[in-house]
Amino acid sequence: KKLVMSPTETVSDKQASYSVYEQQKSPISCKIITNPYKSSPQENSRHIGLKNRGNTCYLNSSLQMIFSVPGFVLALQKMYKEFHQVGGDETMPLTKAFLKVASDVNISLSGGQKKQAADPYDLKEAIDTLTDKFAGYEQRDAHEFASALIDYIHDELIRVTKDQKVSLPTDDYFRLDVKVCLTCNSCKYIRCKEELYRHLSIELGKNENEDHPWTVNQSLEQFFVPEVREIRCEECDVGTTATQTIQVMSRPKALLLHLKRFIVSEATMSFRKNRDRIICGESISLDKFCDNSLKNKDKESYNLRGVVRHIGGTASSGHYTADCERICEETEGSQNKKEWVAFNDGVAKSTKLEEVLQKNEKSAYMIMYGSDVT
């Protein structure tokens, strides 16, 4: 017998979010790369932006944010190299286009001149063959695009690997397994199920003391806090409420957070933007939200890697930019020199972490964190 969930709300409501909307064709030629972020010391500040093909800032900022997790790109490149040779160049078209952009954003011309902005046309075309959500050149939602891109790449990897038991980069880096349990408040009957998240959609809040802004850690605590749900219990047929708890069963190498800044106004049935301040924080941890089996293992923290910000007063307009961490010089061992870069479509400028944290307090829309192994 089970706890029957009422139609008032489901577990997935925690992840509910809303979509808002923000040629020259060249053959795809994916360059196999050893490291998409490798740069020589004399060009360690040369980073390349992405060409805006017409309201494609949502695409450009999302890609730059995902590129801030170089381990994912390298793992994807390794799998592409292995499986596309078996099935041919058209076996993994989306992965191929994604890797081409990753390669292009780090190519510099000789003579000390910076290469022009890379063109993501091939990737836009590849994803448009899979869905019409981003067809044309109208403003789209960056979070919806980033989520769809990861999902479609994952589907492509599943298709080419078939029944082979191989570790997929999309699962290694963007798979968060959680256990959701409902405990009847009358008879204490427990029903549990596992769910998979590629990202977490978290609420913004406000502290009573405005001198202490809301933090990402507070949003995470709010996401995982136990909640009372209106649910009829079939076990005892008496209980009408149950307490829901969520525990992390496995931690991804990268943690993608989506801030619910766009809210539906019941009065006007339109979107409004939440401009509340939030402190991203240089590092966060999921340890306190983990299942006991994970708590007994080594503790793990995530460091800030990238932020996508939405500039504008409404949900139906505005502009997306990205602030991302990049390797500026490779050194022996794992301690590469890094710097922060502000990407505004085709323009890339060096910035500082302090500036990133400050300017994104009211405009951060997606936040990428990475573990030490990313």
Protein backbone atom coordinates (compact mmCIF):
# COMPACT_ATOMS: atom_id res chain seq x y z
CA LYS A 1 0.00 0.00 0.00
CA LYS A 2 1.13 3.50 -0.72
CA LEU A 3 0.71 7.07 0.32
CA VAL A 4 -1.43 8.69 -2.36
CA MET A 5 -0.25 12.13 -3.31
CA SER A 6 -2.93 14.75 -3.72
CA PRO A 7 -3.08 16.87 -6.89
CA THR A 8 -2.21 19.98 -4.88
CA GLU A 9 1.52 19.49 -5.28
CA THR A 10 4.10 16.92 -6.33
CA VAL A 11 7.71 16.40 -5.47
CA SER A 12 8.73 17.82 -8.83
CA ASP A 13 7.23 21.20 -7.84
CA LYS A 14 10.49 21.80 -6.00
CA GLN A 15 12.12 21.89 -9.41
CA ALA A 16 9.33 23.80 -11.16
CA SER A 17 10.49 26.73 -13.23
CA TYR A 18 9.13 28.87 -16.02
CA SER A 19 10.45 29.60 -19.46
CA VAL A 20 10.97 33.21 -20.54
CA TYR A 21 12.16 34.50 -23.91
CA GLU A 22 15.08 36.62 -24.64
CA GLN A 23 24.08 33.22 -42.25
CA GLN A 24 26.53 31.87 -43.11
CA LYS A 25 26.67 28.10 -42.93
CA SER A 26 30.00 26.33 -42.66
CA PRO A 27 30.69 22.59 -42.55
CA ILE A 28 31.18 21.13 -39.09
CA SER A 29 34.77 20.11 -38.56
CA CYS A 30 35.38 19.06 -34.99
CA LYS A 31 39.00 19.42 -33.95
CA ILE A 32 40.09 16.74 -31.52
CA ILE A 33 41.54 18.69 -28.63
CA THR A 34 43.81 17.65 -25.79
CA ASN A 35 42.66 20.48 -23.55
CA PRO A 36 40.09 23.11 -24.62
CA TYR A 37 41.46 25.59 -22.09
CA LYS A 38 45.17 25.26 -22.73
CA SER A 39 46.98 28.52 -23.39
CA SER A 40 50.61 29.52 -23.50
CA PRO A 41 52.04 31.84 -20.82
CA GLN A 42 52.47 34.74 -23.25
CA GLU A 43 48.77 34.56 -24.15
CA ASN A 44 47.38 33.62 -20.76
CA SER A 45 44.80 36.45 -20.77
CA ARG A 46 43.44 35.77 -24.26
CA HIS A 47 39.93 34.39 -24.02
CA ILE A 48 37.40 34.34 -26.80
CA GLY A 49 33.74 35.25 -26.77
CA LEU A 50 30.90 33.97 -28.94
CA LYS A 51 29.22 35.75 -31.81
CA ASN A 52 25.64 36.85 -31.21
CA ARG A 53 23.64 35.64 -34.20
CA GLY A 54 20.55 37.60 -33.15
CA ASN A 55 19.22 37.38 -29.58
CA THR A 56 21.42 34.33 -28.90
CA CYS A 57 22.96 35.75 -25.73
CA TYR A 58 21.09 33.01 -23.82
CA LEU A 59 23.03 30.39 -25.80
CA ASN A 60 26.41 32.15 -25.55
CA SER A 61 26.26 32.72 -21.80
CA SER A 62 25.10 29.15 -21.11
CA LEU A 63 27.95 27.68 -23.15
CA GLN A 64 30.59 29.84 -21.47
CA MET A 65 29.27 28.73 -18.09
CA ILE A 66 29.40 25.03 -19.02
CA PHE A 67 32.92 25.53 -20.40
CA SER A 68 33.95 26.61 -16.89
CA VAL A 69 33.90 22.88 -16.04
CA PRO A 70 36.83 21.73 -18.23
CA GLY A 71 36.72 18.17 -16.93
CA PHE A 72 33.30 17.70 -18.48
CA VAL A 73 34.48 18.96 -21.86
CA LEU A 74 37.55 16.72 -21.80
CA ALA A 75 35.53 13.64 -20.78
CA LEU A 76 33.04 14.36 -23.54
CA GLN A 77 35.83 14.81 -26.06
CA LYS A 78 37.34 11.46 -25.04
CA MET A 79 34.03 9.66 -25.52
CA TYR A 80 33.42 11.38 -28.85
CA LYS A 81 36.83 10.33 -30.11
CA GLU A 82 36.11 6.72 -29.19
CA PHE A 83 32.56 6.31 -30.49
CA HIS A 84 32.39 8.56 -33.55
CA GLN A 85 35.12 6.47 -35.19
CA VAL A 86 32.80 3.46 -34.99
CA GLY A 87 29.64 5.08 -36.30
CA GLY A 88 31.03 7.87 -38.47
CA ASP A 89 30.96 11.66 -38.21
CA GLU A 90 27.17 11.88 -38.07
CA THR A 91 26.86 9.55 -35.09
CA MET A 92 27.14 12.33 -32.51
CA PRO A 93 26.21 15.60 -34.27
CA LEU A 94 25.32 17.62 -31.16
CA THR A 95 28.38 16.49 -29.22
CA LYS A 96 30.52 17.24 -32.26
CA ALA A 97 29.12 20.77 -32.58
CA PHE A 98 29.53 21.39 -28.83
CA LEU A 99 33.19 20.31 -28.92
CA LYS A 100 33.84 22.46 -31.97
CA VAL A 101 32.70 25.56 -30.07
CA ALA A 102 34.80 24.52 -27.06
CA SER A 103 37.82 24.29 -29.35
CA ASP A 104 37.10 27.54 -31.20
CA VAL A 105 36.83 29.70 -28.10
CA ASN A 106 40.44 29.05 -27.26
CA ILE A 107 42.17 29.51 -30.65
CA SER A 108 44.35 32.62 -31.04
CA LEU A 109 45.96 33.92 -34.19
CA SER A 110 49.70 34.43 -34.35
CA GLY A 111 51.23 37.87 -34.15
CA GLY A 112 49.66 38.74 -30.82
CA GLN A 113 46.22 39.38 -32.31
CA LYS A 114 43.16 37.93 -30.64
CA LYS A 115 40.92 35.75 -32.79
CA GLN A 116 37.49 37.13 -33.58
CA ALA A 117 34.53 35.84 -31.63
CA ALA A 118 33.77 32.18 -32.31
CA ASP A 119 30.57 31.36 -34.18
CA PRO A 120 28.19 28.88 -32.45
CA TYR A 121 26.08 28.48 -35.61
CA ASP A 122 26.76 24.75 -35.93
CA LEU A 123 25.61 24.05 -32.39
CA LYS A 124 22.49 26.18 -32.83
CA GLU A 125 21.66 24.25 -35.98
CA ALA A 126 22.34 20.89 -34.31
CA ILE A 127 20.01 21.53 -31.38
CA ASP A 128 17.33 23.00 -33.67
CA THR A 129 17.13 19.62 -35.41
CA LEU A 130 16.18 18.07 -32.04
CA THR A 131 13.67 20.61 -30.75
CA ASP A 132 11.81 23.70 -31.91
CA LYS A 133 12.07 25.39 -28.50
CA PHE A 134 14.97 27.54 -29.68
CA ALA A 135 14.11 27.80 -33.38
CA GLY A 136 14.63 31.19 -34.96
CA TYR A 137 16.37 34.12 -33.35
CA GLU A 138 14.02 35.32 -30.65
CA GLN A 139 14.96 35.85 -27.03
CA ARG A 140 14.94 32.56 -25.08
CA ASP A 141 15.54 31.45 -21.53
CA ALA A 142 19.16 30.61 -20.67
CA HIS A 143 18.24 28.08 -18.00
CA GLU A 144 15.90 26.23 -20.36
CA PHE A 145 18.62 26.10 -23.01
CA ALA A 146 21.37 24.88 -20.66
CA SER A 147 19.09 22.14 -19.30
CA ALA A 148 18.02 21.04 -22.76
CA LEU A 149 21.60 20.98 -24.05
CA ILE A 150 22.78 18.69 -21.26
CA ASP A 151 19.74 16.42 -21.68
CA TYR A 152 20.12 16.13 -25.46
CA ILE A 153 23.85 15.42 -25.20
CA HIS A 154 23.03 12.73 -22.63
CA ASP A 155 20.43 11.18 -24.96
CA GLU A 156 23.01 11.15 -27.74
CA LEU A 157 25.56 9.39 -25.52
CA ILE A 158 22.97 6.80 -24.49
CA ARG A 159 22.20 6.11 -28.13
CA VAL A 160 25.79 5.58 -29.25
CA THR A 161 26.91 3.56 -26.22
CA LYS A 162 23.77 1.38 -26.36
CA ASP A 163 23.96 -1.37 -23.74
CA GLN A 164 27.63 -0.89 -22.96
CA LYS A 165 28.33 -0.25 -19.30
CA VAL A 166 30.33 2.93 -19.61
CA SER A 167 30.45 5.99 -17.42
CA LEU A 168 28.78 8.93 -19.16
CA PRO A 169 30.18 12.45 -18.65
CA THR A 170 26.65 13.83 -18.33
CA ASP A 171 26.05 11.52 -15.36
CA ASP A 172 29.47 12.02 -13.79
CA TYR A 173 29.16 15.80 -13.86
CA PHE A 174 25.45 16.58 -13.87
CA ARG A 175 23.62 13.77 -12.07
CA LEU A 176 22.34 14.37 -8.57
CA ASP A 177 20.46 11.38 -7.14
CA VAL A 178 18.12 12.09 -4.25
CA LYS A 179 15.83 9.97 -2.06
CA VAL A 180 12.42 11.52 -1.47
CA CYS A 181 10.48 10.08 1.47
CA LEU A 182 6.92 10.74 2.65
CA THR A 183 6.13 9.86 6.26
CA CYS A 184 2.48 9.73 7.29
CA ASN A 185 1.98 12.05 10.25
CA SER A 186 -0.66 9.71 11.66
CA CYS A 187 0.67 6.13 11.41
CA LYS A 188 4.30 6.93 10.46
CA TYR A 189 4.14 4.74 7.34
CA ILE A 190 7.06 5.67 5.05
CA ARG A 191 7.12 5.64 1.28
CA CYS A 192 10.38 6.47 -0.56
CA LYS A 193 11.48 6.83 -4.15
CA GLU A 194 14.60 8.00 -5.92
CA GLU A 195 14.73 10.94 -8.31
CA LEU A 196 17.41 12.28 -10.64
CA TYR A 197 18.17 15.99 -10.99
CA ARG A 198 20.51 17.56 -13.54
CA HIS A 199 20.28 20.86 -11.68
CA LEU A 200 18.54 22.36 -8.68
CA SER A 201 16.01 25.17 -9.04
CA ILE A 202 16.12 27.17 -5.82
CA GLU A 203 14.05 30.01 -4.37
CA LEU A 204 15.30 33.43 -3.39
CA GLY A 205 14.49 34.80 0.03
CA LYS A 206 14.98 37.80 2.27
CA ASN A 207 16.47 38.18 5.72
CA GLU A 208 14.81 40.55 8.15
CA ASN A 209 18.09 42.41 8.48
CA GLU A 210 18.73 43.90 5.03
CA ASP A 211 22.39 44.38 5.93
CA HIS A 212 22.73 40.57 5.74
CA PRO A 213 21.62 39.50 2.23
CA TRP A 214 20.22 36.07 1.47
CA THR A 215 22.81 33.43 0.55
CA VAL A 216 22.93 30.44 -1.77
CA ASN A 217 23.42 28.22 1.29
CA GLN A 218 20.13 29.50 2.70
CA SER A 219 18.39 28.68 -0.58
CA LEU A 220 19.79 25.15 -0.46
CA GLU A 221 18.63 24.73 3.14
CA GLN A 222 15.20 25.91 2.07
CA PHE A 223 15.15 23.39 -0.79
CA PHE A 224 15.99 20.44 1.48
CA VAL A 225 13.96 21.47 4.53
CA PRO A 226 11.24 18.93 5.50
CA GLU A 227 7.76 19.94 4.32
CA VAL A 228 4.27 18.92 5.33
CA ARG A 229 2.14 17.83 2.37
CA GLU A 230 -1.60 17.22 2.09
CA ILE A 231 -1.61 13.51 1.26
CA ARG A 232 -4.05 10.75 2.09
CA CYS A 233 -2.48 7.64 3.58
CA GLU A 234 -3.83 4.36 2.23
CA GLU A 235 -2.02 2.43 4.95
CA CYS A 236 -4.07 3.77 7.85
CA ASP A 237 -6.83 5.54 5.88
CA VAL A 238 -6.80 8.19 8.58
CA GLY A 239 -3.76 10.33 7.91
CA THR A 240 -4.30 13.30 5.62
CA THR A 241 -0.82 14.85 5.84
CA ALA A 242 2.71 13.56 5.45
CA THR A 243 6.16 15.02 5.99
CA GLN A 244 8.43 15.03 2.94
CA THR A 245 12.17 14.78 3.30
CA ILE A 246 14.87 14.86 0.60
CA GLN A 247 18.34 13.39 1.00
CA VAL A 248 21.23 13.39 -1.46
CA MET A 249 22.28 9.86 -2.47
CA SER A 250 25.08 10.76 -4.90
CA ARG A 251 26.96 13.99 -5.56
CA PRO A 252 27.83 15.17 -9.07
CA LYS A 253 31.21 16.61 -9.95
CA ALA A 254 29.52 19.86 -10.95
CA LEU A 255 26.50 21.47 -9.31
CA LEU A 256 24.28 23.68 -11.48
CA LEU A 257 21.90 25.97 -9.61
CA HIS A 258 19.00 27.85 -11.18
CA LEU A 259 17.60 30.83 -9.28
CA LYS A 260 13.85 31.31 -9.61
CA ARG A 261 13.96 35.01 -10.46
CA PHE A 262 10.95 34.99 -12.76
CA ILE A 263 7.66 34.69 -10.91
CA VAL A 264 4.13 34.48 -12.26
CA SER A 265 1.90 37.29 -11.00
CA GLU A 266 -1.56 35.85 -10.25
CA ALA A 267 -3.13 39.28 -10.70
CA THR A 268 -1.83 39.92 -14.20
CA MET A 269 -0.87 36.34 -15.21
CA SER A 270 2.47 37.68 -16.40
CA PHE A 271 6.05 37.22 -15.30
CA ARG A 272 7.77 39.61 -12.96
CA LYS A 273 11.43 39.61 -12.04
CA ASN A 274 12.62 39.08 -8.49
CA ARG A 275 15.52 41.47 -7.88
CA ASP A 276 16.29 40.31 -4.35
CA ARG A 277 19.96 40.17 -3.48
CA ILE A 278 21.72 36.84 -3.07
CA ILE A 279 25.32 36.09 -2.15
CA CYS A 280 26.73 33.36 -4.37
CA GLY A 281 29.62 32.46 -2.10
CA GLU A 282 33.01 31.16 -3.19
CA SER A 283 32.19 27.63 -2.04
CA ILE A 284 29.24 25.54 -0.91
CA SER A 285 28.67 22.01 0.36
CA LEU A 286 25.90 19.42 0.14
CA ASP A 287 27.25 17.36 3.05
CA LYS A 288 24.49 18.28 5.52
CA PHE A 289 21.84 17.18 3.02
CA CYS A 290 23.39 13.78 2.28
CA ASP A 291 22.19 10.32 3.20
CA ASN A 292 24.07 8.74 6.09
CA SER A 293 25.97 6.47 3.72
CA LEU A 294 27.47 9.57 2.06
CA LYS A 295 28.00 11.46 5.30
CA ASN A 296 30.39 8.73 6.43
CA LYS A 297 32.56 9.30 3.36
CA ASP A 298 34.99 12.14 2.76
CA LYS A 299 33.39 15.56 2.89
CA GLU A 300 33.25 17.39 -0.42
CA SER A 301 32.87 21.06 -1.25
CA TYR A 302 32.11 22.89 -4.49
CA ASN A 303 33.90 26.01 -5.67
CA LEU A 304 32.34 28.77 -7.73
CA ARG A 305 33.09 28.33 -11.44
CA GLY A 306 30.64 30.49 -13.35
CA VAL A 307 27.60 32.76 -13.15
CA VAL A 308 25.04 33.59 -15.83
CA ARG A 309 23.35 36.90 -15.13
CA HIS A 310 20.18 38.41 -16.55
CA ILE A 311 20.29 42.16 -17.13
CA GLY A 312 16.89 43.79 -17.54
CA GLY A 313 13.75 44.65 -15.68
CA THR A 314 11.30 42.15 -17.15
CA ALA A 315 11.15 38.45 -17.86
CA SER A 316 10.30 38.97 -21.52
CA SER A 317 13.30 41.14 -22.37
CA GLY A 318 16.85 41.80 -21.32
CA HIS A 319 20.30 40.42 -21.95
CA TYR A 320 22.39 37.51 -20.66
CA THR A 321 26.10 37.66 -19.86
CA ALA A 322 28.43 35.24 -18.07
CA ASP A 323 31.31 35.51 -15.62
CA CYS A 324 33.45 32.38 -15.70
CA GLU A 325 36.66 30.98 -14.29
CA ARG A 326 39.28 30.04 -16.86
CA ILE A 327 42.71 28.45 -16.79
CA CYS A 328 45.17 31.12 -17.86
CA GLU A 329 48.37 29.10 -17.47
CA GLU A 330 48.96 25.40 -17.05
CA THR A 331 51.52 24.28 -14.49
CA GLU A 332 52.85 20.92 -13.44
CA GLY A 333 50.45 19.06 -11.18
CA SER A 334 46.84 20.12 -10.68
CA GLN A 335 47.35 23.69 -9.47
CA ASN A 336 46.85 25.58 -12.72
CA LYS A 337 46.74 29.35 -12.63
CA LYS A 338 43.22 30.63 -13.08
CA GLU A 339 41.49 33.92 -13.68
CA TRP A 340 37.96 35.23 -13.99
CA VAL A 341 36.65 36.43 -17.33
CA ALA A 342 33.52 38.46 -18.07
CA PHE A 343 31.86 37.30 -21.31
CA ASN A 344 29.38 39.56 -23.10
CA ASP A 345 28.70 37.70 -26.34
CA GLY A 346 31.80 38.37 -28.47
CA VAL A 347 33.58 40.50 -25.86
CA ALA A 348 35.78 38.86 -23.23
CA LYS A 349 37.45 40.89 -20.48
CA SER A 350 39.46 39.89 -17.44
CA THR A 351 37.75 40.55 -14.13
CA LYS A 352 38.16 39.65 -10.46
CA LEU A 353 36.23 37.29 -8.23
CA GLU A 354 35.29 40.14 -5.91
CA GLU A 355 33.69 42.01 -8.80
CA VAL A 356 31.86 38.87 -9.93
CA LEU A 357 30.34 38.32 -6.49
CA GLN A 358 29.29 41.94 -6.11
CA LYS A 359 27.76 42.63 -9.51
CA ASN A 360 25.74 39.41 -9.56
CA GLU A 361 23.92 39.91 -6.25
CA LYS A 362 20.74 41.16 -7.95
CA SER A 363 21.14 39.61 -11.38
CA ALA A 364 22.55 36.08 -10.96
CA TYR A 365 20.28 33.62 -12.77
CA MET A 366 22.36 30.42 -12.97
CA ILE A 367 25.37 29.47 -10.88
CA MET A 368 27.88 26.74 -11.65
CA TYR A 369 29.92 25.15 -8.89
CA GLY A 370 32.59 22.49 -9.40
CA SER A 371 34.36 20.04 -7.13
CA ASP A 372 38.14 19.84 -6.99
CA VAL A 373 38.16 17.03 -9.56
CA THR A 374 36.48 19.11 -12.27
